[in-house]
Amino acid sequence: ATTYSIMQLAINFRAESYKGELAEIRMKANRGEELSPLESTKFEGYLSALFELTELVYVSHKKGKIDDEYIAAWELRTKAAMSVPRIRNFWSKTKAGYRASFRDYIDGLIEPPS
């Protein structure tokens, strides 16, 4: 049931992130364009929610509530997100607010600069 519940949360979160103004802000951010202060705040709110959801997935997997195949797919998406400089910068500024084991987990998914 936990995997299903988390999948539902992820589906809803993803669907909302592709709608309206947030979708436009995400596109600008991914292209490395300048964001207005309001857009930056909205984008950082989106990223905060994304990391909270990722921490939920991580903790659920550690407790045996999510299978290895699901976490492997989640890790691939997380690695792709962490390849975006703006997301990496946000993570480096905010990671102190997460449990140490989760910080280590995310840091371990970040590809070293080439």
C-alpha atoms as a PDB file:
ATOM      1  CA  ALA A   1       0.000   0.000   0.000  1.00  0.00           C
ATOM      2  CA  THR A   2       2.863   2.413   0.705  1.00  0.00           C
ATOM      3  CA  THR A   3       4.305   2.083  -2.794  1.00  0.00           C
ATOM      4  CA  TYR A   4       0.881   2.755  -4.284  1.00  0.00           C
ATOM      5  CA  SER A   5       0.288   5.774  -2.019  1.00  0.00           C
ATOM      6  CA  ILE A   6       3.659   7.270  -2.837  1.00  0.00           C
ATOM      7  CA  MET A   7       3.151   6.619  -6.545  1.00  0.00           C
ATOM      8  CA  GLN A   8      -0.154   8.508  -6.333  1.00  0.00           C
ATOM      9  CA  LEU A   9       1.570  11.425  -4.586  1.00  0.00           C
ATOM     10  CA  ALA A  10       4.296  11.431  -7.240  1.00  0.00           C
ATOM     11  CA  ILE A  11       1.798  11.291 -10.112  1.00  0.00           C
ATOM     12  CA  ASN A  12      -0.206  14.183  -8.667  1.00  0.00           C
ATOM     13  CA  PHE A  13       2.943  16.205  -7.970  1.00  0.00           C
ATOM     14  CA  ARG A  14       4.272  15.643 -11.472  1.00  0.00           C
ATOM     15  CA  ALA A  15       0.932  16.479 -13.108  1.00  0.00           C
ATOM     16  CA  GLU A  16       0.745  19.774 -11.209  1.00  0.00           C
ATOM     17  CA  SER A  17       4.320  20.663 -12.154  1.00  0.00           C
ATOM     18  CA  TYR A  18       3.438  20.498 -15.870  1.00  0.00           C
ATOM     19  CA  LYS A  19       0.543  22.939 -15.600  1.00  0.00           C
ATOM     20  CA  GLY A  20       0.329  26.679 -16.081  1.00  0.00           C
ATOM     21  CA  GLU A  21       2.823  29.100 -14.689  1.00  0.00           C
ATOM     22  CA  LEU A  22       4.895  26.481 -12.872  1.00  0.00           C
ATOM     23  CA  ALA A  23       5.549  24.678 -16.158  1.00  0.00           C
ATOM     24  CA  GLU A  24       6.735  27.947 -17.694  1.00  0.00           C
ATOM     25  CA  ILE A  25       8.981  28.677 -14.707  1.00  0.00           C
ATOM     26  CA  ARG A  26      10.459  25.165 -14.848  1.00  0.00           C
ATOM     27  CA  MET A  27      11.214  25.585 -18.552  1.00  0.00           C
ATOM     28  CA  LYS A  28      12.987  28.890 -17.907  1.00  0.00           C
ATOM     29  CA  ALA A  29      14.944  27.392 -15.031  1.00  0.00           C
ATOM     30  CA  ASN A  30      15.976  24.349 -17.074  1.00  0.00           C
ATOM     31  CA  ARG A  31      17.214  26.625 -19.859  1.00  0.00           C
ATOM     32  CA  GLY A  32      19.230  28.603 -17.328  1.00  0.00           C
ATOM     33  CA  GLU A  33      17.251  31.783 -17.928  1.00  0.00           C
ATOM     34  CA  GLU A  34      16.931  34.528 -15.325  1.00  0.00           C
ATOM     35  CA  LEU A  35      13.920  34.163 -13.030  1.00  0.00           C
ATOM     36  CA  SER A  36      12.124  37.071 -11.408  1.00  0.00           C
ATOM     37  CA  PRO A  37      12.107  37.108  -7.596  1.00  0.00           C
ATOM     38  CA  LEU A  38       8.542  35.766  -7.597  1.00  0.00           C
ATOM     39  CA  GLU A  39       9.414  33.047 -10.119  1.00  0.00           C
ATOM     40  CA  SER A  40      12.458  32.093  -8.018  1.00  0.00           C
ATOM     41  CA  THR A  41      10.269  31.771  -4.940  1.00  0.00           C
ATOM     42  CA  LYS A  42       7.762  29.587  -6.789  1.00  0.00           C
ATOM     43  CA  PHE A  43      10.523  27.439  -8.265  1.00  0.00           C
ATOM     44  CA  GLU A  44      12.171  26.995  -4.874  1.00  0.00           C
ATOM     45  CA  GLY A  45       8.807  26.027  -3.398  1.00  0.00           C
ATOM     46  CA  TYR A  46       8.484  23.396  -6.120  1.00  0.00           C
ATOM     47  CA  LEU A  47      12.003  22.124  -5.357  1.00  0.00           C
ATOM     48  CA  SER A  48      11.297  22.008  -1.622  1.00  0.00           C
ATOM     49  CA  ALA A  49       8.248  19.855  -2.270  1.00  0.00           C
ATOM     50  CA  LEU A  50      10.240  17.665  -4.657  1.00  0.00           C
ATOM     51  CA  PHE A  51      12.964  17.036  -2.072  1.00  0.00           C
ATOM     52  CA  GLU A  52      10.351  16.378   0.628  1.00  0.00           C
ATOM     53  CA  LEU A  53       8.732  13.781  -1.634  1.00  0.00           C
ATOM     54  CA  THR A  54      12.122  12.282  -2.434  1.00  0.00           C
ATOM     55  CA  GLU A  55      12.936  12.055   1.265  1.00  0.00           C
ATOM     56  CA  LEU A  56       9.615  10.267   1.814  1.00  0.00           C
ATOM     57  CA  VAL A  57      10.522   7.757  -0.906  1.00  0.00           C
ATOM     58  CA  TYR A  58      13.999   7.309   0.580  1.00  0.00           C
ATOM     59  CA  VAL A  59      12.721   6.736   4.135  1.00  0.00           C
ATOM     60  CA  SER A  60       9.974   4.403   2.934  1.00  0.00           C
ATOM     61  CA  HIS A  61      12.524   2.331   1.038  1.00  0.00           C
ATOM     62  CA  LYS A  62      14.811   2.159   4.064  1.00  0.00           C
ATOM     63  CA  LYS A  63      11.851   0.845   6.094  1.00  0.00           C
ATOM     64  CA  GLY A  64      11.148  -1.834   3.466  1.00  0.00           C
ATOM     65  CA  LYS A  65       7.900  -0.228   2.340  1.00  0.00           C
ATOM     66  CA  ILE A  66       9.064   0.445  -1.246  1.00  0.00           C
ATOM     67  CA  ASP A  67      10.617  -2.171  -3.485  1.00  0.00           C
ATOM     68  CA  ASP A  68      14.103  -1.960  -4.973  1.00  0.00           C
ATOM     69  CA  GLU A  69      12.847  -1.581  -8.539  1.00  0.00           C
ATOM     70  CA  TYR A  70      10.814   1.517  -7.666  1.00  0.00           C
ATOM     71  CA  ILE A  71      13.689   3.183  -5.792  1.00  0.00           C
ATOM     72  CA  ALA A  72      16.051   2.394  -8.693  1.00  0.00           C
ATOM     73  CA  ALA A  73      13.740   4.189 -11.130  1.00  0.00           C
ATOM     74  CA  TRP A  74      13.343   7.084  -8.664  1.00  0.00           C
ATOM     75  CA  GLU A  75      17.122   7.361  -8.382  1.00  0.00           C
ATOM     76  CA  LEU A  76      17.467   7.690 -12.148  1.00  0.00           C
ATOM     77  CA  ARG A  77      15.006  10.597 -12.145  1.00  0.00           C
ATOM     78  CA  THR A  78      16.755  12.158  -9.153  1.00  0.00           C
ATOM     79  CA  LYS A  79      20.161  11.904 -10.846  1.00  0.00           C
ATOM     80  CA  ALA A  80      18.725  13.626 -13.912  1.00  0.00           C
ATOM     81  CA  ALA A  81      17.298  16.419 -11.752  1.00  0.00           C
ATOM     82  CA  MET A  82      20.576  16.839  -9.899  1.00  0.00           C
ATOM     83  CA  SER A  83      22.368  17.371 -13.212  1.00  0.00           C
ATOM     84  CA  VAL A  84      20.568  20.738 -13.500  1.00  0.00           C
ATOM     85  CA  PRO A  85      22.859  23.406 -11.975  1.00  0.00           C
ATOM     86  CA  ARG A  86      20.005  25.452 -10.488  1.00  0.00           C
ATOM     87  CA  ILE A  87      18.665  22.366  -8.688  1.00  0.00           C
ATOM     88  CA  ARG A  88      22.137  21.422  -7.406  1.00  0.00           C
ATOM     89  CA  ASN A  89      22.607  24.992  -6.136  1.00  0.00           C
ATOM     90  CA  PHE A  90      19.243  24.891  -4.353  1.00  0.00           C
ATOM     91  CA  TRP A  91      20.175  21.557  -2.775  1.00  0.00           C
ATOM     92  CA  SER A  92      23.525  22.870  -1.542  1.00  0.00           C
ATOM     93  CA  LYS A  93      21.768  25.856   0.094  1.00  0.00           C
ATOM     94  CA  THR A  94      18.989  23.843   1.770  1.00  0.00           C
ATOM     95  CA  LYS A  95      20.318  20.347   2.453  1.00  0.00           C
ATOM     96  CA  ALA A  96      21.161  21.161   6.079  1.00  0.00           C
ATOM     97  CA  GLY A  97      17.416  20.979   6.760  1.00  0.00           C
ATOM     98  CA  TYR A  98      17.238  17.257   5.963  1.00  0.00           C
ATOM     99  CA  ARG A  99      18.277  14.181   7.923  1.00  0.00           C
ATOM    100  CA  ALA A 100      21.978  13.326   7.573  1.00  0.00           C
ATOM    101  CA  SER A 101      21.389   9.960   5.905  1.00  0.00           C
ATOM    102  CA  PHE A 102      19.189  11.591   3.242  1.00  0.00           C
ATOM    103  CA  ARG A 103      21.810  14.294   2.607  1.00  0.00           C
ATOM    104  CA  ASP A 104      24.420  11.581   2.092  1.00  0.00           C
ATOM    105  CA  TYR A 105      22.066   9.682  -0.202  1.00  0.00           C
ATOM    106  CA  ILE A 106      21.379  12.693  -2.449  1.00  0.00           C
ATOM    107  CA  ASP A 107      25.016  13.790  -2.442  1.00  0.00           C
ATOM    108  CA  GLY A 108      25.931  10.264  -3.553  1.00  0.00           C
ATOM    109  CA  LEU A 109      23.619  10.581  -6.562  1.00  0.00           C
ATOM    110  CA  ILE A 110      25.246  13.791  -7.808  1.00  0.00           C
ATOM    111  CA  GLU A 111      27.612  13.221 -10.688  1.00  0.00           C
ATOM    112  CA  PRO A 112      30.976  14.940 -10.188  1.00  0.00           C
ATOM    113  CA  PRO A 113      31.552  17.902 -12.527  1.00  0.00           C
ATOM    114  CA  SER A 114      33.312  16.971 -15.738  1.00  0.00           C
END
